[in-house]
């Protein structure tokens, strides 16, 4: 499912992506799997309403994992998407281990005057993703982190991943660039409240 993006507000919380996810899961049969593609920001759930949705989802359904996608997936739009996978009507066991995968390097690349196209490594990287997701092979934590989950967590690989490598200058510059791109994208989607420091600010939208 691909719900409407960035429509939720304090006055109209039913338009949050998490609300659409919950309605979808509620409508499925027991044990059915659902995959949704949504903005990264919906997995952080900073507003009180979004926190309520996340807690309700975990109370009734199971989060199997979240895949962080190529930032150019929706090339030209400025949305950083993730794919979240759930099992319907099976309450999330606190001991259940979900997978959080960083698949930003998916082998697709942007070419001038063309847009996003499949690169030479795309098929192999997709197969590696599937092998890791279905437990056929192991992967380094920089690609996949397996962790228990709480509603208040940010359901993203970046939240659970601990990088103990000493970053290079290029790594630092890339991280700053990625953050600024993400912040600009969120501001353009009227989600500047994500960068405020308290609950009142988070609800001020």
N, C-alpha and C. Protein backbone atom coordinates (compact mmCIF):
# COMPACT_ATOMS: atom_id res chain seq x y z
N UNK A 1 0.83 -1.19 0.00
CA UNK A 1 0.00 0.00 0.00
C UNK A 1 0.88 1.25 0.00
N UNK A 2 0.42 2.25 -0.69
CA UNK A 2 1.11 3.53 -0.75
C UNK A 2 0.10 4.61 -0.34
N UNK A 3 0.01 4.93 0.97
CA UNK A 3 -1.02 5.89 1.43
C UNK A 3 -0.67 7.31 1.05
N UNK A 4 -1.62 8.23 1.19
CA UNK A 4 -1.32 9.65 0.96
C UNK A 4 -0.23 10.12 1.92
N UNK A 5 0.67 10.95 1.42
CA UNK A 5 1.80 11.40 2.22
C UNK A 5 1.55 12.80 2.80
N UNK A 6 1.99 12.96 4.04
CA UNK A 6 2.11 14.28 4.68
C UNK A 6 0.79 15.04 4.74
N UNK A 7 -0.29 14.33 5.00
CA UNK A 7 -1.60 14.98 5.11
C UNK A 7 -2.07 15.12 6.55
N UNK A 8 -1.47 14.35 7.46
CA UNK A 8 -1.92 14.36 8.85
C UNK A 8 -1.54 15.62 9.59
N UNK A 9 -2.41 16.04 10.48
CA UNK A 9 -2.16 17.19 11.34
C UNK A 9 -2.76 16.91 12.71
N UNK A 10 -2.49 17.78 13.66
CA UNK A 10 -3.08 17.64 14.98
C UNK A 10 -4.60 17.69 14.89
N UNK A 11 -5.10 18.54 14.00
CA UNK A 11 -6.55 18.67 13.85
C UNK A 11 -7.17 17.51 13.08
N UNK A 12 -6.37 16.82 12.29
CA UNK A 12 -6.89 15.72 11.47
C UNK A 12 -5.92 14.54 11.51
N UNK A 13 -5.78 13.89 12.67
CA UNK A 13 -4.79 12.81 12.82
C UNK A 13 -5.09 11.57 11.99
N UNK A 14 -6.34 11.40 11.55
CA UNK A 14 -6.68 10.22 10.75
C UNK A 14 -6.00 10.24 9.39
N UNK A 15 -5.40 11.37 9.02
CA UNK A 15 -4.71 11.46 7.74
C UNK A 15 -3.23 11.10 7.83
N UNK A 16 -2.74 10.80 9.04
CA UNK A 16 -1.36 10.36 9.16
C UNK A 16 -1.19 9.01 8.46
N UNK A 17 -0.01 8.78 7.92
CA UNK A 17 0.27 7.50 7.26
C UNK A 17 0.03 6.32 8.19
N UNK A 18 0.38 6.48 9.47
CA UNK A 18 0.19 5.39 10.42
C UNK A 18 -1.27 5.04 10.61
N UNK A 19 -2.15 6.01 10.46
CA UNK A 19 -3.59 5.75 10.55
C UNK A 19 -4.03 4.86 9.40
N UNK A 20 -3.55 5.17 8.19
CA UNK A 20 -3.88 4.34 7.03
C UNK A 20 -3.33 2.92 7.20
N UNK A 21 -2.12 2.82 7.76
CA UNK A 21 -1.53 1.50 7.99
C UNK A 21 -2.39 0.69 8.95
N UNK A 22 -2.82 1.33 10.03
CA UNK A 22 -3.63 0.61 11.01
C UNK A 22 -4.96 0.16 10.40
N UNK A 23 -5.61 1.03 9.63
CA UNK A 23 -6.87 0.65 8.99
C UNK A 23 -6.66 -0.52 8.03
N UNK A 24 -5.55 -0.50 7.29
CA UNK A 24 -5.25 -1.60 6.38
C UNK A 24 -5.10 -2.90 7.14
N UNK A 25 -4.29 -2.89 8.20
CA UNK A 25 -4.04 -4.10 8.97
C UNK A 25 -5.32 -4.62 9.61
N UNK A 26 -6.15 -3.72 10.12
CA UNK A 26 -7.41 -4.12 10.74
C UNK A 26 -8.34 -4.81 9.74
N UNK A 27 -8.19 -4.48 8.46
CA UNK A 27 -9.10 -5.02 7.45
C UNK A 27 -8.64 -6.37 6.90
N UNK A 28 -7.44 -6.80 7.26
CA UNK A 28 -6.90 -8.05 6.72
C UNK A 28 -7.30 -9.25 7.58
N UNK A 29 -7.12 -10.44 7.02
CA UNK A 29 -7.38 -11.66 7.76
C UNK A 29 -6.22 -11.96 8.71
N UNK A 30 -6.45 -12.81 9.66
CA UNK A 30 -5.43 -13.15 10.66
C UNK A 30 -4.22 -13.78 9.96
N UNK A 31 -3.05 -13.26 10.26
CA UNK A 31 -1.81 -13.81 9.71
C UNK A 31 -1.42 -13.26 8.35
N UNK A 32 -2.25 -12.41 7.77
CA UNK A 32 -1.93 -11.83 6.47
C UNK A 32 -0.74 -10.88 6.60
N UNK A 33 0.05 -10.82 5.54
CA UNK A 33 1.20 -9.91 5.51
C UNK A 33 0.85 -8.68 4.69
N UNK A 34 1.35 -7.53 5.14
CA UNK A 34 1.14 -6.28 4.42
C UNK A 34 2.47 -5.53 4.33
N UNK A 35 2.73 -4.96 3.16
CA UNK A 35 3.90 -4.11 2.96
C UNK A 35 3.41 -2.72 2.55
N UNK A 36 3.94 -1.71 3.20
CA UNK A 36 3.54 -0.34 2.90
C UNK A 36 4.79 0.48 2.61
N UNK A 37 4.71 1.39 1.66
CA UNK A 37 5.81 2.30 1.38
C UNK A 37 5.40 3.69 1.82
N UNK A 38 6.15 4.22 2.77
CA UNK A 38 5.79 5.48 3.43
C UNK A 38 7.06 6.31 3.65
N UNK A 39 6.93 7.59 3.98
CA UNK A 39 8.11 8.41 4.29
C UNK A 39 8.78 7.94 5.58
N UNK A 40 10.09 8.13 5.65
CA UNK A 40 10.82 7.78 6.86
C UNK A 40 10.20 8.43 8.09
N UNK A 41 9.74 9.65 7.94
CA UNK A 41 9.23 10.39 9.08
C UNK A 41 8.07 9.69 9.77
N UNK A 42 7.31 8.90 9.02
CA UNK A 42 6.17 8.21 9.64
C UNK A 42 6.63 7.11 10.58
N UNK A 43 7.85 6.61 10.39
CA UNK A 43 8.38 5.57 11.27
C UNK A 43 8.99 6.15 12.54
N UNK A 44 9.25 7.45 12.54
CA UNK A 44 9.74 8.08 13.78
C UNK A 44 8.57 8.42 14.69
N UNK A 45 7.45 8.87 14.09
CA UNK A 45 6.24 9.11 14.87
C UNK A 45 6.44 10.06 16.02
N UNK A 46 6.86 11.28 15.75
CA UNK A 46 7.20 12.21 16.82
C UNK A 46 5.99 12.84 17.50
N UNK A 47 4.88 13.00 16.79
CA UNK A 47 3.72 13.64 17.42
C UNK A 47 3.01 12.66 18.35
N UNK A 48 2.22 13.19 19.28
CA UNK A 48 1.50 12.34 20.22
C UNK A 48 0.53 11.41 19.50
N UNK A 49 -0.15 11.93 18.48
CA UNK A 49 -1.11 11.12 17.74
C UNK A 49 -0.41 9.95 17.05
N UNK A 50 0.75 10.20 16.47
CA UNK A 50 1.48 9.13 15.79
C UNK A 50 2.00 8.10 16.79
N UNK A 51 2.39 8.54 17.97
CA UNK A 51 2.81 7.60 19.01
C UNK A 51 1.66 6.69 19.42
N UNK A 52 0.46 7.26 19.47
CA UNK A 52 -0.72 6.46 19.81
C UNK A 52 -0.97 5.42 18.73
N UNK A 53 -0.85 5.81 17.47
CA UNK A 53 -1.04 4.87 16.37
C UNK A 53 -0.02 3.74 16.43
N UNK A 54 1.24 4.08 16.70
CA UNK A 54 2.29 3.06 16.75
C UNK A 54 2.01 2.06 17.87
N UNK A 55 1.62 2.56 19.03
CA UNK A 55 1.31 1.68 20.15
C UNK A 55 0.11 0.79 19.83
N UNK A 56 -0.90 1.35 19.19
CA UNK A 56 -2.09 0.58 18.83
C UNK A 56 -1.76 -0.49 17.80
N UNK A 57 -0.94 -0.13 16.82
CA UNK A 57 -0.53 -1.11 15.81
C UNK A 57 0.18 -2.29 16.46
N UNK A 58 1.10 -2.02 17.37
CA UNK A 58 1.85 -3.11 18.01
C UNK A 58 0.98 -3.91 18.97
N UNK A 59 -0.05 -3.29 19.48
CA UNK A 59 -0.96 -4.01 20.38
C UNK A 59 -1.75 -5.07 19.64
N UNK A 60 -2.02 -4.83 18.36
CA UNK A 60 -2.88 -5.74 17.60
C UNK A 60 -2.18 -6.46 16.45
N UNK A 61 -1.02 -5.95 16.04
CA UNK A 61 -0.34 -6.50 14.87
C UNK A 61 1.16 -6.59 15.14
N UNK A 62 1.88 -7.25 14.26
CA UNK A 62 3.33 -7.44 14.44
C UNK A 62 4.11 -6.71 13.37
N UNK A 63 5.10 -5.95 13.80
CA UNK A 63 6.04 -5.33 12.87
C UNK A 63 7.15 -6.33 12.57
N UNK A 64 7.24 -6.74 11.30
CA UNK A 64 8.27 -7.70 10.90
C UNK A 64 9.59 -7.03 10.55
N UNK A 65 9.51 -5.82 10.05
CA UNK A 65 10.74 -5.12 9.71
C UNK A 65 10.49 -3.91 8.84
N UNK A 66 11.55 -3.13 8.67
CA UNK A 66 11.49 -1.91 7.86
C UNK A 66 12.74 -1.83 7.00
N UNK A 67 12.54 -1.54 5.72
CA UNK A 67 13.64 -1.43 4.76
C UNK A 67 13.76 0.04 4.34
N UNK A 68 14.89 0.64 4.62
CA UNK A 68 15.14 2.01 4.19
C UNK A 68 15.55 1.99 2.72
N UNK A 69 14.82 2.73 1.89
CA UNK A 69 15.01 2.68 0.45
C UNK A 69 15.95 3.77 -0.06
N UNK A 70 16.30 3.62 -1.31
CA UNK A 70 17.09 4.61 -2.04
C UNK A 70 16.40 5.98 -1.92
N UNK A 71 17.16 7.00 -1.56
CA UNK A 71 16.57 8.33 -1.40
C UNK A 71 16.04 8.89 -2.71
N UNK A 72 16.46 8.30 -3.83
CA UNK A 72 15.98 8.74 -5.14
C UNK A 72 14.85 7.88 -5.68
N UNK A 73 14.27 7.02 -4.83
CA UNK A 73 13.18 6.15 -5.29
C UNK A 73 12.08 6.96 -5.95
N UNK A 74 11.69 8.04 -5.30
CA UNK A 74 10.71 8.96 -5.89
C UNK A 74 11.48 10.18 -6.41
N UNK A 75 12.30 9.93 -7.39
CA UNK A 75 13.21 10.97 -7.90
C UNK A 75 12.45 12.23 -8.30
N UNK A 76 12.95 13.35 -7.79
CA UNK A 76 12.36 14.63 -8.11
C UNK A 76 11.27 15.08 -7.16
N UNK A 77 10.88 14.19 -6.25
CA UNK A 77 9.80 14.52 -5.31
C UNK A 77 10.36 14.97 -3.96
N UNK A 78 11.48 14.40 -3.55
CA UNK A 78 12.10 14.80 -2.30
C UNK A 78 11.64 14.01 -1.09
N UNK A 79 11.01 12.84 -1.31
CA UNK A 79 10.57 12.00 -0.21
C UNK A 79 11.55 10.86 0.00
N UNK A 80 11.98 10.64 1.24
CA UNK A 80 12.86 9.52 1.57
C UNK A 80 12.00 8.37 2.07
N UNK A 81 11.79 7.33 1.24
CA UNK A 81 10.82 6.29 1.60
C UNK A 81 11.42 5.09 2.32
N UNK A 82 10.54 4.40 3.02
CA UNK A 82 10.86 3.10 3.60
C UNK A 82 9.72 2.14 3.28
N UNK A 83 10.04 0.86 3.33
CA UNK A 83 9.01 -0.18 3.19
C UNK A 83 8.89 -0.89 4.54
N UNK A 84 7.71 -0.84 5.12
CA UNK A 84 7.45 -1.51 6.40
C UNK A 84 6.58 -2.73 6.16
N UNK A 85 6.92 -3.83 6.81
CA UNK A 85 6.19 -5.09 6.63
C UNK A 85 5.58 -5.52 7.97
N UNK A 86 4.30 -5.87 7.92
CA UNK A 86 3.55 -6.23 9.12
C UNK A 86 2.84 -7.57 8.92
N UNK A 87 2.55 -8.23 10.05
CA UNK A 87 1.65 -9.37 10.07
C UNK A 87 0.39 -8.96 10.83
N UNK A 88 -0.75 -9.15 10.20
CA UNK A 88 -2.01 -8.65 10.76
C UNK A 88 -2.57 -9.55 11.85
N UNK A 89 -3.15 -8.91 12.86
CA UNK A 89 -3.92 -9.56 13.92
C UNK A 89 -3.11 -10.57 14.73
N UNK A 90 -1.80 -10.34 14.81
CA UNK A 90 -0.95 -11.09 15.71
C UNK A 90 -0.21 -10.06 16.56
N UNK A 91 -0.65 -9.85 17.80
CA UNK A 91 -0.03 -8.81 18.63
C UNK A 91 1.49 -8.95 18.67
N UNK A 92 2.16 -7.82 18.66
CA UNK A 92 3.62 -7.82 18.62
C UNK A 92 4.18 -8.30 19.96
N UNK A 93 4.81 -9.46 19.95
CA UNK A 93 5.45 -10.00 21.15
C UNK A 93 6.67 -9.13 21.48
N UNK A 94 6.80 -8.68 22.74
CA UNK A 94 7.96 -7.85 23.10
C UNK A 94 9.30 -8.51 22.79
N UNK A 95 9.32 -9.84 22.74
CA UNK A 95 10.56 -10.55 22.46
C UNK A 95 10.78 -10.78 20.96
N UNK A 96 9.78 -10.40 20.15
CA UNK A 96 9.90 -10.61 18.71
C UNK A 96 11.01 -9.74 18.13
N UNK A 97 11.84 -10.34 17.28
CA UNK A 97 12.96 -9.63 16.67
C UNK A 97 12.58 -9.23 15.25
N UNK A 98 12.61 -7.94 14.99
CA UNK A 98 12.31 -7.40 13.66
C UNK A 98 13.61 -7.07 12.95
N UNK A 99 13.53 -6.97 11.63
CA UNK A 99 14.70 -6.65 10.82
C UNK A 99 14.61 -5.21 10.31
N UNK A 100 15.73 -4.52 10.43
CA UNK A 100 15.82 -3.14 9.94
C UNK A 100 17.00 -3.08 8.97
N UNK A 101 16.68 -2.82 7.71
CA UNK A 101 17.66 -2.94 6.63
C UNK A 101 17.92 -1.58 5.98
N UNK A 102 19.19 -1.31 5.74
CA UNK A 102 19.58 -0.10 5.00
C UNK A 102 19.81 -0.50 3.54
N UNK A 103 18.81 -0.23 2.71
CA UNK A 103 18.88 -0.60 1.29
C UNK A 103 18.94 0.65 0.41
N UNK A 104 19.54 1.70 0.93
CA UNK A 104 19.65 2.92 0.13
C UNK A 104 20.52 2.70 -1.10
N UNK A 105 21.54 1.84 -0.95
CA UNK A 105 22.39 1.51 -2.09
C UNK A 105 21.79 0.28 -2.78
N UNK A 106 20.78 0.52 -3.60
CA UNK A 106 20.04 -0.60 -4.22
C UNK A 106 20.47 -0.90 -5.65
N UNK A 107 21.48 -0.18 -6.11
CA UNK A 107 21.96 -0.44 -7.46
C UNK A 107 21.30 0.41 -8.53
N UNK A 108 20.32 1.21 -8.14
CA UNK A 108 19.69 2.12 -9.09
C UNK A 108 20.38 3.48 -9.01
N UNK A 109 20.47 4.16 -10.12
CA UNK A 109 21.19 5.43 -10.16
C UNK A 109 20.44 6.43 -11.03
N UNK A 110 20.68 7.69 -10.73
CA UNK A 110 20.04 8.77 -11.48
C UNK A 110 20.94 9.16 -12.65
N UNK A 111 20.34 9.19 -13.83
CA UNK A 111 21.06 9.62 -15.02
C UNK A 111 20.41 10.87 -15.60
N UNK A 112 21.24 11.77 -16.04
CA UNK A 112 20.76 13.05 -16.56
C UNK A 112 19.76 12.84 -17.70
N UNK A 113 18.67 13.57 -17.63
CA UNK A 113 17.63 13.58 -18.66
C UNK A 113 16.85 12.27 -18.75
N UNK A 114 17.16 11.35 -17.86
CA UNK A 114 16.48 10.05 -17.88
C UNK A 114 15.75 9.79 -16.57
N UNK A 115 16.46 10.03 -15.46
CA UNK A 115 15.89 9.76 -14.15
C UNK A 115 16.51 8.53 -13.52
N UNK A 116 15.77 7.83 -12.71
CA UNK A 116 16.27 6.67 -11.98
C UNK A 116 16.26 5.45 -12.88
N UNK A 117 17.43 4.82 -13.04
CA UNK A 117 17.54 3.65 -13.91
C UNK A 117 18.27 2.53 -13.18
N UNK A 118 18.05 1.32 -13.64
CA UNK A 118 18.68 0.14 -13.05
C UNK A 118 20.15 0.06 -13.42
N UNK A 119 21.01 -0.02 -12.41
CA UNK A 119 22.44 -0.16 -12.66
C UNK A 119 22.84 -1.61 -12.80
N UNK A 120 24.10 -1.84 -13.09
CA UNK A 120 24.59 -3.20 -13.32
C UNK A 120 24.46 -4.10 -12.10
N UNK A 121 24.52 -3.51 -10.90
CA UNK A 121 24.51 -4.31 -9.67
C UNK A 121 23.13 -4.47 -9.06
N UNK A 122 22.10 -3.87 -9.67
CA UNK A 122 20.77 -3.84 -9.05
C UNK A 122 20.20 -5.22 -8.79
N UNK A 123 20.28 -6.11 -9.76
CA UNK A 123 19.70 -7.45 -9.60
C UNK A 123 20.37 -8.22 -8.48
N UNK A 124 21.71 -8.14 -8.41
CA UNK A 124 22.44 -8.84 -7.35
C UNK A 124 22.11 -8.27 -5.98
N UNK A 125 21.97 -6.96 -5.91
CA UNK A 125 21.66 -6.34 -4.62
C UNK A 125 20.24 -6.67 -4.17
N UNK A 126 19.32 -6.75 -5.12
CA UNK A 126 17.95 -7.16 -4.78
C UNK A 126 17.94 -8.58 -4.26
N UNK A 127 18.71 -9.47 -4.90
CA UNK A 127 18.76 -10.86 -4.43
C UNK A 127 19.36 -10.95 -3.04
N UNK A 128 20.39 -10.15 -2.79
CA UNK A 128 21.01 -10.12 -1.46
C UNK A 128 20.00 -9.66 -0.41
N UNK A 129 19.23 -8.63 -0.75
CA UNK A 129 18.19 -8.15 0.16
C UNK A 129 17.21 -9.26 0.50
N UNK A 130 16.73 -9.98 -0.50
CA UNK A 130 15.77 -11.06 -0.28
C UNK A 130 16.39 -12.19 0.55
N UNK A 131 17.64 -12.50 0.27
CA UNK A 131 18.31 -13.58 1.03
C UNK A 131 18.45 -13.20 2.50
N UNK A 132 18.76 -11.94 2.78
CA UNK A 132 18.88 -11.49 4.17
C UNK A 132 17.51 -11.45 4.82
N UNK A 133 16.52 -10.92 4.12
CA UNK A 133 15.17 -10.80 4.69
C UNK A 133 14.61 -12.17 5.08
N UNK A 134 14.80 -13.16 4.22
CA UNK A 134 14.25 -14.48 4.48
C UNK A 134 15.20 -15.40 5.24
N UNK A 135 16.30 -14.84 5.74
CA UNK A 135 17.19 -15.59 6.61
C UNK A 135 18.06 -16.60 5.91
N UNK A 136 18.24 -16.44 4.60
CA UNK A 136 19.06 -17.38 3.86
C UNK A 136 20.55 -17.06 3.96
N UNK A 137 20.86 -15.85 4.38
CA UNK A 137 22.25 -15.44 4.56
C UNK A 137 22.32 -14.36 5.63
N UNK A 138 23.48 -14.22 6.22
CA UNK A 138 23.68 -13.19 7.23
C UNK A 138 24.29 -11.95 6.58
N UNK A 139 24.16 -10.83 7.25
CA UNK A 139 24.70 -9.58 6.74
C UNK A 139 25.29 -8.77 7.89
N UNK A 140 26.23 -7.91 7.55
CA UNK A 140 26.82 -7.01 8.55
C UNK A 140 25.75 -6.06 9.07
N UNK A 141 25.97 -5.57 10.28
CA UNK A 141 24.96 -4.70 10.91
C UNK A 141 24.76 -3.40 10.17
N UNK A 142 25.75 -2.99 9.37
CA UNK A 142 25.57 -1.75 8.61
C UNK A 142 24.53 -1.94 7.50
N UNK A 143 24.20 -3.19 7.20
CA UNK A 143 23.15 -3.48 6.22
C UNK A 143 21.86 -3.90 6.91
N UNK A 144 21.96 -4.76 7.92
CA UNK A 144 20.77 -5.27 8.60
C UNK A 144 21.00 -5.38 10.09
N UNK A 145 20.08 -4.81 10.85
CA UNK A 145 20.08 -4.94 12.31
C UNK A 145 18.82 -5.67 12.72
N UNK A 146 18.97 -6.68 13.55
CA UNK A 146 17.82 -7.39 14.09
C UNK A 146 17.65 -6.98 15.54
N UNK A 147 16.44 -6.55 15.89
CA UNK A 147 16.23 -5.99 17.23
C UNK A 147 14.78 -6.15 17.67
N UNK A 148 14.61 -6.20 18.99
CA UNK A 148 13.27 -6.05 19.54
C UNK A 148 12.82 -4.61 19.32
N UNK A 149 11.52 -4.37 19.44
CA UNK A 149 10.97 -3.07 19.06
C UNK A 149 10.00 -2.57 20.12
N UNK A 150 10.02 -1.26 20.34
CA UNK A 150 9.04 -0.60 21.20
C UNK A 150 8.31 0.47 20.39
N UNK A 151 7.09 0.79 20.77
CA UNK A 151 6.35 1.83 20.02
C UNK A 151 7.07 3.17 19.97
N UNK A 152 7.77 3.50 21.04
CA UNK A 152 8.43 4.81 21.09
C UNK A 152 9.75 4.84 20.31
N UNK A 153 10.21 3.68 19.84
CA UNK A 153 11.41 3.65 19.01
C UNK A 153 11.16 4.31 17.66
N UNK A 154 12.23 4.74 17.03
CA UNK A 154 12.15 5.12 15.62
C UNK A 154 12.35 3.85 14.81
N UNK A 155 11.36 3.45 14.06
CA UNK A 155 11.42 2.18 13.36
C UNK A 155 12.26 2.30 12.09
N UNK A 156 13.55 2.53 12.28
CA UNK A 156 14.48 2.74 11.18
C UNK A 156 15.81 2.07 11.49
N UNK A 157 16.50 1.61 10.46
CA UNK A 157 17.82 1.02 10.62
C UNK A 157 18.75 1.97 11.36
N UNK A 158 18.69 3.26 11.04
CA UNK A 158 19.59 4.24 11.64
C UNK A 158 19.40 4.36 13.15
N UNK A 159 18.22 4.02 13.64
CA UNK A 159 17.95 4.11 15.08
C UNK A 159 18.64 2.96 15.83
N UNK A 160 18.64 1.79 15.26
CA UNK A 160 19.16 0.60 15.95
C UNK A 160 20.63 0.33 15.64
N UNK A 161 21.13 0.92 14.58
CA UNK A 161 22.50 0.62 14.14
C UNK A 161 23.52 1.42 14.94
N UNK A 162 24.53 0.72 15.45
CA UNK A 162 25.65 1.38 16.12
C UNK A 162 26.90 1.15 15.28
N UNK A 163 27.45 2.23 14.79
CA UNK A 163 28.65 2.16 13.94
C UNK A 163 29.88 2.46 14.79
N UNK A 164 30.69 1.42 15.02
CA UNK A 164 31.88 1.61 15.83
C UNK A 164 33.13 1.88 14.99
N UNK A 165 32.94 2.08 13.69
CA UNK A 165 34.06 2.42 12.83
C UNK A 165 34.35 3.91 12.92
N UNK A 166 35.61 4.27 12.85
CA UNK A 166 35.98 5.69 12.86
C UNK A 166 35.66 6.27 11.49
N UNK A 167 34.77 7.27 11.44
CA UNK A 167 34.37 7.80 10.14
C UNK A 167 35.48 8.61 9.46
N UNK A 168 35.50 8.53 8.15
CA UNK A 168 36.42 9.36 7.37
C UNK A 168 35.78 10.73 7.16
N UNK A 169 36.56 11.66 6.64
CA UNK A 169 36.01 12.99 6.34
C UNK A 169 34.87 12.87 5.33
N UNK A 170 35.02 11.97 4.36
CA UNK A 170 33.99 11.78 3.34
C UNK A 170 32.71 11.23 3.98
N UNK A 171 32.87 10.31 4.94
CA UNK A 171 31.70 9.77 5.65
C UNK A 171 30.97 10.88 6.40
N UNK A 172 31.75 11.73 7.07
CA UNK A 172 31.15 12.83 7.84
C UNK A 172 30.39 13.78 6.92
N UNK A 173 31.01 14.14 5.81
CA UNK A 173 30.37 15.06 4.87
C UNK A 173 29.10 14.45 4.30
N UNK A 174 29.13 13.14 4.01
CA UNK A 174 27.95 12.47 3.48
C UNK A 174 26.82 12.45 4.51
N UNK A 175 27.18 12.17 5.78
CA UNK A 175 26.17 12.12 6.84
C UNK A 175 25.50 13.48 7.02
N UNK A 176 26.31 14.53 7.00
CA UNK A 176 25.75 15.88 7.13
C UNK A 176 24.85 16.20 5.94
N UNK A 177 25.32 15.83 4.75
CA UNK A 177 24.52 16.06 3.55
C UNK A 177 23.21 15.31 3.58
N UNK A 178 23.26 14.03 4.02
CA UNK A 178 22.04 13.23 4.10
C UNK A 178 21.05 13.85 5.09
N UNK A 179 21.59 14.32 6.23
CA UNK A 179 20.70 14.91 7.23
C UNK A 179 20.06 16.18 6.71
N UNK A 180 20.85 17.03 6.08
CA UNK A 180 20.31 18.30 5.58
C UNK A 180 19.26 18.03 4.48
N UNK A 181 19.52 17.03 3.66
CA UNK A 181 18.55 16.66 2.63
C UNK A 181 17.26 16.18 3.27
N UNK A 182 17.39 15.35 4.31
CA UNK A 182 16.22 14.83 5.02
C UNK A 182 15.44 15.97 5.69
N UNK A 183 16.17 16.88 6.36
CA UNK A 183 15.50 18.00 7.04
C UNK A 183 14.77 18.89 6.04
N UNK A 184 15.43 19.19 4.92
CA UNK A 184 14.79 20.02 3.90
C UNK A 184 13.55 19.33 3.36
N UNK A 185 13.65 18.01 3.13
CA UNK A 185 12.50 17.26 2.62
C UNK A 185 11.34 17.32 3.59
N UNK A 186 11.62 17.17 4.89
CA UNK A 186 10.56 17.19 5.88
C UNK A 186 9.92 18.58 6.00
N UNK A 187 10.74 19.62 5.93
CA UNK A 187 10.22 20.98 6.00
C UNK A 187 9.32 21.26 4.81
N UNK A 188 9.72 20.79 3.63
CA UNK A 188 8.92 21.00 2.43
C UNK A 188 7.59 20.25 2.51
N UNK A 189 7.55 19.20 3.34
CA UNK A 189 6.31 18.43 3.53
C UNK A 189 5.54 18.89 4.77
N UNK A 190 5.89 20.07 5.27
CA UNK A 190 5.23 20.65 6.46
C UNK A 190 5.41 19.79 7.69
N UNK A 191 6.58 19.14 7.81
CA UNK A 191 6.86 18.32 8.98
C UNK A 191 8.03 18.91 9.77
N UNK A 192 8.12 20.24 9.80
CA UNK A 192 9.20 20.87 10.54
C UNK A 192 9.11 20.60 12.03
N UNK A 193 7.94 20.17 12.50
CA UNK A 193 7.79 19.85 13.93
C UNK A 193 8.70 18.70 14.36
N UNK A 194 9.18 17.91 13.40
CA UNK A 194 10.08 16.81 13.74
C UNK A 194 11.39 17.31 14.35
N UNK A 195 11.70 18.57 14.09
CA UNK A 195 12.98 19.10 14.54
C UNK A 195 12.82 20.03 15.74
N UNK A 196 11.60 20.02 16.33
CA UNK A 196 11.36 20.77 17.55
C UNK A 196 11.66 19.86 18.74
N UNK A 197 11.88 20.48 19.90
CA UNK A 197 12.41 19.72 21.01
C UNK A 197 11.43 19.16 22.02
N UNK A 198 10.13 19.52 21.96
CA UNK A 198 9.23 19.04 22.99
C UNK A 198 7.90 18.68 22.40
N UNK A 199 7.06 18.05 23.23
CA UNK A 199 5.77 17.55 22.76
C UNK A 199 4.87 18.67 22.27
N UNK A 200 4.95 19.84 22.96
CA UNK A 200 4.10 20.95 22.55
C UNK A 200 4.45 21.38 21.14
N UNK A 201 5.76 21.45 20.84
CA UNK A 201 6.17 21.82 19.50
C UNK A 201 5.75 20.76 18.51
N UNK A 202 5.83 19.48 18.92
CA UNK A 202 5.47 18.40 18.01
C UNK A 202 4.00 18.44 17.64
N UNK A 203 3.19 19.03 18.54
CA UNK A 203 1.75 19.08 18.27
C UNK A 203 1.31 20.43 17.70
N UNK A 204 2.28 21.33 17.46
CA UNK A 204 1.92 22.69 17.06
C UNK A 204 1.52 22.81 15.61
N UNK A 205 1.71 21.73 14.85
CA UNK A 205 1.39 21.79 13.43
C UNK A 205 -0.08 21.98 13.17
